[in-house]
PDB file of N, CA and C in Angstrom:
ATOM      1  N   MET A   1       0.838  -1.173   0.000  1.00  0.00           N
ATOM      2  CA  MET A   1       0.000   0.000   0.000  1.00  0.00           C
ATOM      3  C   MET A   1       0.890   1.247   0.000  1.00  0.00           C
ATOM      4  N   GLU A   2       0.521   2.230  -0.784  1.00  0.00           N
ATOM      5  CA  GLU A   2       1.261   3.476  -0.901  1.00  0.00           C
ATOM      6  C   GLU A   2       1.033   4.359   0.320  1.00  0.00           C
ATOM      7  N   ARG A   3       2.106   4.881   0.874  1.00  0.00           N
ATOM      8  CA  ARG A   3       2.008   5.795   2.017  1.00  0.00           C
ATOM      9  C   ARG A   3       1.720   7.200   1.529  1.00  0.00           C
ATOM     10  N   ASP A   4       0.927   7.915   2.298  1.00  0.00           N
ATOM     11  CA  ASP A   4       0.598   9.305   1.984  1.00  0.00           C
ATOM     12  C   ASP A   4       1.634  10.209   2.655  1.00  0.00           C
ATOM     13  N   ARG A   5       2.489  10.814   1.850  1.00  0.00           N
ATOM     14  CA  ARG A   5       3.564  11.646   2.385  1.00  0.00           C
ATOM     15  C   ARG A   5       3.032  12.824   3.202  1.00  0.00           C
ATOM     16  N   ALA A   6       1.854  13.316   2.852  1.00  0.00           N
ATOM     17  CA  ALA A   6       1.260  14.421   3.617  1.00  0.00           C
ATOM     18  C   ALA A   6       0.952  13.983   5.048  1.00  0.00           C
ATOM     19  N   GLN A   7       0.556  12.727   5.231  1.00  0.00           N
ATOM     20  CA  GLN A   7       0.275  12.211   6.571  1.00  0.00           C
ATOM     21  C   GLN A   7       1.558  12.089   7.390  1.00  0.00           C
ATOM     22  N   VAL A   8       2.644  11.679   6.741  1.00  0.00           N
ATOM     23  CA  VAL A   8       3.932  11.592   7.429  1.00  0.00           C
ATOM     24  C   VAL A   8       4.397  12.994   7.824  1.00  0.00           C
ATOM     25  N   ARG A   9       4.223  13.969   6.938  1.00  0.00           N
ATOM     26  CA  ARG A   9       4.587  15.351   7.276  1.00  0.00           C
ATOM     27  C   ARG A   9       3.772  15.853   8.463  1.00  0.00           C
ATOM     28  N   ALA A  10       2.482  15.524   8.489  1.00  0.00           N
ATOM     29  CA  ALA A  10       1.625  15.930   9.606  1.00  0.00           C
ATOM     30  C   ALA A  10       2.105  15.293  10.909  1.00  0.00           C
ATOM     31  N   PHE A  11       2.480  14.017  10.862  1.00  0.00           N
ATOM     32  CA  PHE A  11       3.017  13.337  12.048  1.00  0.00           C
ATOM     33  C   PHE A  11       4.281  14.041  12.519  1.00  0.00           C
ATOM     34  N   ARG A  12       5.187  14.301  11.590  1.00  0.00           N
ATOM     35  CA  ARG A  12       6.467  14.920  11.957  1.00  0.00           C
ATOM     36  C   ARG A  12       6.289  16.332  12.490  1.00  0.00           C
ATOM     37  N   ALA A  13       5.287  17.045  12.022  1.00  0.00           N
ATOM     38  CA  ALA A  13       5.037  18.404  12.516  1.00  0.00           C
ATOM     39  C   ALA A  13       4.697  18.382  14.002  1.00  0.00           C
ATOM     40  N   GLU A  14       4.020  17.329  14.434  1.00  0.00           N
ATOM     41  CA  GLU A  14       3.618  17.187  15.833  1.00  0.00           C
ATOM     42  C   GLU A  14       4.626  16.399  16.672  1.00  0.00           C
ATOM     43  N   ASN A  15       5.483  15.626  15.996  1.00  0.00           N
ATOM     44  CA  ASN A  15       6.428  14.732  16.680  1.00  0.00           C
ATOM     45  C   ASN A  15       7.810  14.870  16.045  1.00  0.00           C
ATOM     46  N   PRO A  16       8.587  15.861  16.448  1.00  0.00           N
ATOM     47  CA  PRO A  16       9.910  16.066  15.843  1.00  0.00           C
ATOM     48  C   PRO A  16      10.811  14.836  15.978  1.00  0.00           C
ATOM     49  N   CYS A  17      11.790  14.774  15.127  1.00  0.00           N
ATOM     50  CA  CYS A  17      12.770  13.687  15.123  1.00  0.00           C
ATOM     51  C   CYS A  17      13.424  13.542  16.499  1.00  0.00           C
ATOM     52  N   PRO A  18      13.449  12.327  17.046  1.00  0.00           N
ATOM     53  CA  PRO A  18      14.093  12.110  18.342  1.00  0.00           C
ATOM     54  C   PRO A  18      15.593  12.407  18.335  1.00  0.00           C
ATOM     55  N   ALA A  19      16.238  12.272  17.188  1.00  0.00           N
ATOM     56  CA  ALA A  19      17.686  12.476  17.107  1.00  0.00           C
ATOM     57  C   ALA A  19      18.072  13.941  16.941  1.00  0.00           C
ATOM     58  N   THR A  20      17.264  14.696  16.190  1.00  0.00           N
ATOM     59  CA  THR A  20      17.646  16.072  15.853  1.00  0.00           C
ATOM     60  C   THR A  20      16.708  17.124  16.421  1.00  0.00           C
ATOM     61  N   GLY A  21      15.483  16.725  16.763  1.00  0.00           N
ATOM     62  CA  GLY A  21      14.493  17.688  17.229  1.00  0.00           C
ATOM     63  C   GLY A  21      13.862  18.489  16.110  1.00  0.00           C
ATOM     64  N   ARG A  22      14.169  18.134  14.871  1.00  0.00           N
ATOM     65  CA  ARG A  22      13.642  18.858  13.705  1.00  0.00           C
ATOM     66  C   ARG A  22      12.395  18.178  13.161  1.00  0.00           C
ATOM     67  N   THR A  23      11.559  18.960  12.498  1.00  0.00           N
ATOM     68  CA  THR A  23      10.333  18.425  11.907  1.00  0.00           C
ATOM     69  C   THR A  23      10.515  18.116  10.421  1.00  0.00           C
ATOM     70  N   ARG A  24      11.676  18.447   9.876  1.00  0.00           N
ATOM     71  CA  ARG A  24      11.966  18.180   8.463  1.00  0.00           C
ATOM     72  C   ARG A  24      13.372  17.635   8.330  1.00  0.00           C
ATOM     73  N   GLY A  25      13.602  17.004   7.191  1.00  0.00           N
ATOM     74  CA  GLY A  25      14.939  16.511   6.891  1.00  0.00           C
ATOM     75  C   GLY A  25      15.204  15.137   7.485  1.00  0.00           C
ATOM     76  N   ALA A  26      16.443  14.723   7.337  1.00  0.00           N
ATOM     77  CA  ALA A  26      16.847  13.392   7.792  1.00  0.00           C
ATOM     78  C   ALA A  26      16.702  13.264   9.309  1.00  0.00           C
ATOM     79  N   CYS A  27      16.430  12.037   9.723  1.00  0.00           N
ATOM     80  CA  CYS A  27      16.338  11.715  11.149  1.00  0.00           C
ATOM     81  C   CYS A  27      17.218  10.485  11.364  1.00  0.00           C
ATOM     82  N   PRO A  28      18.518  10.707  11.549  1.00  0.00           N
ATOM     83  CA  PRO A  28      19.474   9.595  11.608  1.00  0.00           C
ATOM     84  C   PRO A  28      19.131   8.546  12.665  1.00  0.00           C
ATOM     85  N   GLY A  29      19.034   7.299  12.190  1.00  0.00           N
ATOM     86  CA  GLY A  29      18.792   6.168  13.088  1.00  0.00           C
ATOM     87  C   GLY A  29      17.335   5.929  13.427  1.00  0.00           C
ATOM     88  N   TRP A  30      16.430   6.745  12.906  1.00  0.00           N
ATOM     89  CA  TRP A  30      15.009   6.630  13.237  1.00  0.00           C
ATOM     90  C   TRP A  30      14.158   6.588  11.976  1.00  0.00           C
ATOM     91  N   HIS A  31      13.023   5.872  12.051  1.00  0.00           N
ATOM     92  CA  HIS A  31      12.040   5.802  10.966  1.00  0.00           C
ATOM     93  C   HIS A  31      10.651   6.075  11.532  1.00  0.00           C
ATOM     94  N   VAL A  32       9.778   6.588  10.668  1.00  0.00           N
ATOM     95  CA  VAL A  32       8.368   6.716  11.026  1.00  0.00           C
ATOM     96  C   VAL A  32       7.722   5.377  10.687  1.00  0.00           C
ATOM     97  N   ASP A  33       7.006   4.817  11.654  1.00  0.00           N
ATOM     98  CA  ASP A  33       6.414   3.480  11.514  1.00  0.00           C
ATOM     99  C   ASP A  33       4.923   3.545  11.809  1.00  0.00           C
ATOM    100  N   HIS A  34       4.165   2.691  11.156  1.00  0.00           N
ATOM    101  CA  HIS A  34       2.744   2.531  11.475  1.00  0.00           C
ATOM    102  C   HIS A  34       2.624   1.558  12.644  1.00  0.00           C
ATOM    103  N   VAL A  35       1.980   1.975  13.717  1.00  0.00           N
ATOM    104  CA  VAL A  35       1.797   1.130  14.896  1.00  0.00           C
ATOM    105  C   VAL A  35       1.079  -0.147  14.482  1.00  0.00           C
ATOM    106  N   ILE A  36      -0.055   0.009  13.811  1.00  0.00           N
ATOM    107  CA  ILE A  36      -0.768  -1.126  13.212  1.00  0.00           C
ATOM    108  C   ILE A  36      -0.439  -1.067  11.725  1.00  0.00           C
ATOM    109  N   ALA A  37       0.208  -2.092  11.235  1.00  0.00           N
ATOM    110  CA  ALA A  37       0.672  -2.112   9.847  1.00  0.00           C
ATOM    111  C   ALA A  37      -0.464  -1.848   8.869  1.00  0.00           C
ATOM    112  N   LEU A  38      -0.134  -1.169   7.776  1.00  0.00           N
ATOM    113  CA  LEU A  38      -1.132  -0.900   6.746  1.00  0.00           C
ATOM    114  C   LEU A  38      -1.723  -2.198   6.208  1.00  0.00           C
ATOM    115  N   CYS A  39      -0.892  -3.214   6.056  1.00  0.00           N
ATOM    116  CA  CYS A  39      -1.362  -4.499   5.529  1.00  0.00           C
ATOM    117  C   CYS A  39      -2.303  -5.208   6.504  1.00  0.00           C
ATOM    118  N   ALA A  40      -2.296  -4.765   7.758  1.00  0.00           N
ATOM    119  CA  ALA A  40      -3.178  -5.356   8.775  1.00  0.00           C
ATOM    120  C   ALA A  40      -4.400  -4.474   9.022  1.00  0.00           C
ATOM    121  N   GLY A  41      -4.607  -3.503   8.151  1.00  0.00           N
ATOM    122  CA  GLY A  41      -5.777  -2.639   8.278  1.00  0.00           C
ATOM    123  C   GLY A  41      -5.542  -1.350   9.033  1.00  0.00           C
ATOM    124  N   GLY A  42      -4.280  -1.079   9.389  1.00  0.00           N
ATOM    125  CA  GLY A  42      -3.966   0.167  10.074  1.00  0.00           C
ATOM    126  C   GLY A  42      -4.160   1.359   9.150  1.00  0.00           C
ATOM    127  N   LEU A  43      -4.523   2.479   9.739  1.00  0.00           N
ATOM    128  CA  LEU A  43      -4.756   3.687   8.956  1.00  0.00           C
ATOM    129  C   LEU A  43      -3.456   4.422   8.689  1.00  0.00           C
ATOM    130  N   ASP A  44      -3.381   5.063   7.532  1.00  0.00           N
ATOM    131  CA  ASP A  44      -2.227   5.879   7.184  1.00  0.00           C
ATOM    132  C   ASP A  44      -2.490   7.294   7.697  1.00  0.00           C
ATOM    133  N   ARG A  45      -2.513   7.404   9.028  1.00  0.00           N
ATOM    134  CA  ARG A  45      -2.813   8.656   9.718  1.00  0.00           C
ATOM    135  C   ARG A  45      -1.788   8.870  10.829  1.00  0.00           C
ATOM    136  N   PRO A  46      -1.528  10.127  11.183  1.00  0.00           N
ATOM    137  CA  PRO A  46      -0.573  10.396  12.258  1.00  0.00           C
ATOM    138  C   PRO A  46      -0.899   9.677  13.567  1.00  0.00           C
ATOM    139  N   SER A  47      -2.173   9.469  13.849  1.00  0.00           N
ATOM    140  CA  SER A  47      -2.548   8.783  15.092  1.00  0.00           C
ATOM    141  C   SER A  47      -2.101   7.324  15.117  1.00  0.00           C
ATOM    142  N   ASN A  48      -1.724   6.769  13.958  1.00  0.00           N
ATOM    143  CA  ASN A  48      -1.251   5.390  13.864  1.00  0.00           C
ATOM    144  C   ASN A  48       0.248   5.341  13.541  1.00  0.00           C
ATOM    145  N   MET A  49       0.955   6.439  13.809  1.00  0.00           N
ATOM    146  CA  MET A  49       2.379   6.501  13.506  1.00  0.00           C
ATOM    147  C   MET A  49       3.180   6.708  14.778  1.00  0.00           C
ATOM    148  N   GLN A  50       4.438   6.247  14.720  1.00  0.00           N
ATOM    149  CA  GLN A  50       5.350   6.400  15.846  1.00  0.00           C
ATOM    150  C   GLN A  50       6.769   6.470  15.295  1.00  0.00           C
ATOM    151  N   TRP A  51       7.666   7.044  16.079  1.00  0.00           N
ATOM    152  CA  TRP A  51       9.085   6.956  15.769  1.00  0.00           C
ATOM    153  C   TRP A  51       9.575   5.612  16.293  1.00  0.00           C
ATOM    154  N   ILE A  52      10.420   4.961  15.510  1.00  0.00           N
ATOM    155  CA  ILE A  52      10.995   3.675  15.906  1.00  0.00           C
ATOM    156  C   ILE A  52      12.426   3.634  15.381  1.00  0.00           C
ATOM    157  N   THR A  53      13.317   3.027  16.147  1.00  0.00           N
ATOM    158  CA  THR A  53      14.703   2.966  15.682  1.00  0.00           C
ATOM    159  C   THR A  53      14.785   2.152  14.389  1.00  0.00           C
ATOM    160  N   LYS A  54      15.800   2.446  13.624  1.00  0.00           N
ATOM    161  CA  LYS A  54      16.014   1.754  12.351  1.00  0.00           C
ATOM    162  C   LYS A  54      16.081   0.244  12.553  1.00  0.00           C
ATOM    163  N   GLU A  55      16.799  -0.197  13.580  1.00  0.00           N
ATOM    164  CA  GLU A  55      16.942  -1.626  13.841  1.00  0.00           C
ATOM    165  C   GLU A  55      15.609  -2.264  14.250  1.00  0.00           C
ATOM    166  N   ASP A  56      14.884  -1.597  15.147  1.00  0.00           N
ATOM    167  CA  ASP A  56      13.588  -2.122  15.581  1.00  0.00           C
ATOM    168  C   ASP A  56      12.587  -2.128  14.431  1.00  0.00           C
ATOM    169  N   HIS A  57      12.675  -1.128  13.550  1.00  0.00           N
ATOM    170  CA  HIS A  57      11.760  -1.059  12.413  1.00  0.00           C
ATOM    171  C   HIS A  57      11.965  -2.237  11.467  1.00  0.00           C
ATOM    172  N   ARG A  58      13.214  -2.578  11.252  1.00  0.00           N
ATOM    173  CA  ARG A  58      13.522  -3.716  10.372  1.00  0.00           C
ATOM    174  C   ARG A  58      12.879  -4.998  10.927  1.00  0.00           C
ATOM    175  N   PHE A  59      13.044  -5.237  12.213  1.00  0.00           N
ATOM    176  CA  PHE A  59      12.467  -6.428  12.843  1.00  0.00           C
ATOM    177  C   PHE A  59      10.942  -6.377  12.829  1.00  0.00           C
ATOM    178  N   LYS A  60      10.351  -5.233  13.193  1.00  0.00           N
ATOM    179  CA  LYS A  60       8.894  -5.105  13.236  1.00  0.00           C
ATOM    180  C   LYS A  60       8.285  -5.330  11.858  1.00  0.00           C
ATOM    181  N   THR A  61       8.944  -4.817  10.826  1.00  0.00           N
ATOM    182  CA  THR A  61       8.437  -5.007   9.465  1.00  0.00           C
ATOM    183  C   THR A  61       8.418  -6.484   9.096  1.00  0.00           C
ATOM    184  N   LEU A  62       9.462  -7.219   9.438  1.00  0.00           N
ATOM    185  CA  LEU A  62       9.484  -8.661   9.158  1.00  0.00           C
ATOM    186  C   LEU A  62       8.316  -9.369   9.839  1.00  0.00           C
ATOM    187  N   VAL A  63       8.075  -9.032  11.105  1.00  0.00           N
ATOM    188  CA  VAL A  63       6.974  -9.642  11.856  1.00  0.00           C
ATOM    189  C   VAL A  63       5.627  -9.238  11.248  1.00  0.00           C
ATOM    190  N   ASP A  64       5.462  -7.949  10.944  1.00  0.00           N
ATOM    191  CA  ASP A  64       4.202  -7.465  10.373  1.00  0.00           C
ATOM    192  C   ASP A  64       3.889  -8.150   9.048  1.00  0.00           C
ATOM    193  N   VAL A  65       4.873  -8.236   8.174  1.00  0.00           N
ATOM    194  CA  VAL A  65       4.658  -8.860   6.862  1.00  0.00           C
ATOM    195  C   VAL A  65       4.292 -10.331   7.029  1.00  0.00           C
ATOM    196  N   LYS A  66       4.982 -11.022   7.912  1.00  0.00           N
ATOM    197  CA  LYS A  66       4.682 -12.439   8.155  1.00  0.00           C
ATOM    198  C   LYS A  66       3.250 -12.613   8.657  1.00  0.00           C
ATOM    199  N   GLU A  67       2.851 -11.785   9.613  1.00  0.00           N
ATOM    200  CA  GLU A  67       1.492 -11.874  10.158  1.00  0.00           C
ATOM    201  C   GLU A  67       0.438 -11.520   9.115  1.00  0.00           C
ATOM    202  N   CYS A  68       0.708 -10.531   8.292  1.00  0.00           N
ATOM    203  CA  CYS A  68      -0.255 -10.150   7.253  1.00  0.00           C
ATOM    204  C   CYS A  68      -0.415 -11.261   6.219  1.00  0.00           C
ATOM    205  N   ARG A  69       0.687 -11.892   5.847  1.00  0.00           N
ATOM    206  CA  ARG A  69       0.601 -13.015   4.902  1.00  0.00           C
ATOM    207  C   ARG A  69      -0.204 -14.160   5.493  1.00  0.00           C
ATOM    208  N   LYS A  70       0.036 -14.439   6.771  1.00  0.00           N
ATOM    209  CA  LYS A  70      -0.696 -15.510   7.444  1.00  0.00           C
ATOM    210  C   LYS A  70      -2.192 -15.191   7.470  1.00  0.00           C
ATOM    211  N   SER A  71      -2.543 -13.969   7.801  1.00  0.00           N
ATOM    212  CA  SER A  71      -3.953 -13.565   7.857  1.00  0.00           C
ATOM    213  C   SER A  71      -4.609 -13.664   6.484  1.00  0.00           C
ATOM    214  N   ARG A  72      -3.887 -13.228   5.447  1.00  0.00           N
ATOM    215  CA  ARG A  72      -4.450 -13.316   4.079  1.00  0.00           C
ATOM    216  C   ARG A  72      -4.728 -14.752   3.695  1.00  0.00           C
ATOM    217  N   ARG A  73      -3.825 -15.674   4.060  1.00  0.00           N
ATOM    218  CA  ARG A  73      -4.024 -17.086   3.727  1.00  0.00           C
ATOM    219  C   ARG A  73      -5.268 -17.624   4.417  1.00  0.00           C
ATOM    220  N   LEU A  74      -5.490 -17.225   5.663  1.00  0.00           N
ATOM    221  CA  LEU A  74      -6.668 -17.694   6.379  1.00  0.00           C
ATOM    222  C   LEU A  74      -7.959 -17.172   5.746  1.00  0.00           C
ATOM    223  N   VAL A  75      -7.931 -15.930   5.271  1.00  0.00           N
ATOM    224  CA  VAL A  75      -9.110 -15.335   4.641  1.00  0.00           C
ATOM    225  C   VAL A  75      -9.391 -16.007   3.304  1.00  0.00           C
ATOM    226  N   GLU A  76      -8.345 -16.386   2.587  1.00  0.00           N
ATOM    227  CA  GLU A  76      -8.501 -16.996   1.263  1.00  0.00           C
ATOM    228  C   GLU A  76      -9.075 -18.415   1.326  1.00  0.00           C
ATOM    229  N   ARG A  77      -9.030 -19.028   2.484  1.00  0.00           N
ATOM    230  CA  ARG A  77      -9.530 -20.416   2.583  1.00  0.00           C
ATOM    231  C   ARG A  77     -11.000 -20.475   2.556  1.00  0.00           C
TER     232      ARG A  77
END
């Protein structure tokens, strides 16, 4: 699913980068993440976003994708 960049900008306006304190530009070591993954029905809204470390984001994405694939298989049966 395509992310809405305007929603990410809105999140960042209210939640500056933990590393730099800035609302724009690079945020070294941090990513904006959806608390409830988009593939799991989470909304692409600031209320469903959080800052997460780059390392934690990589792991969370693997878990989210695995769970979403599992859920899709169950629905397809």
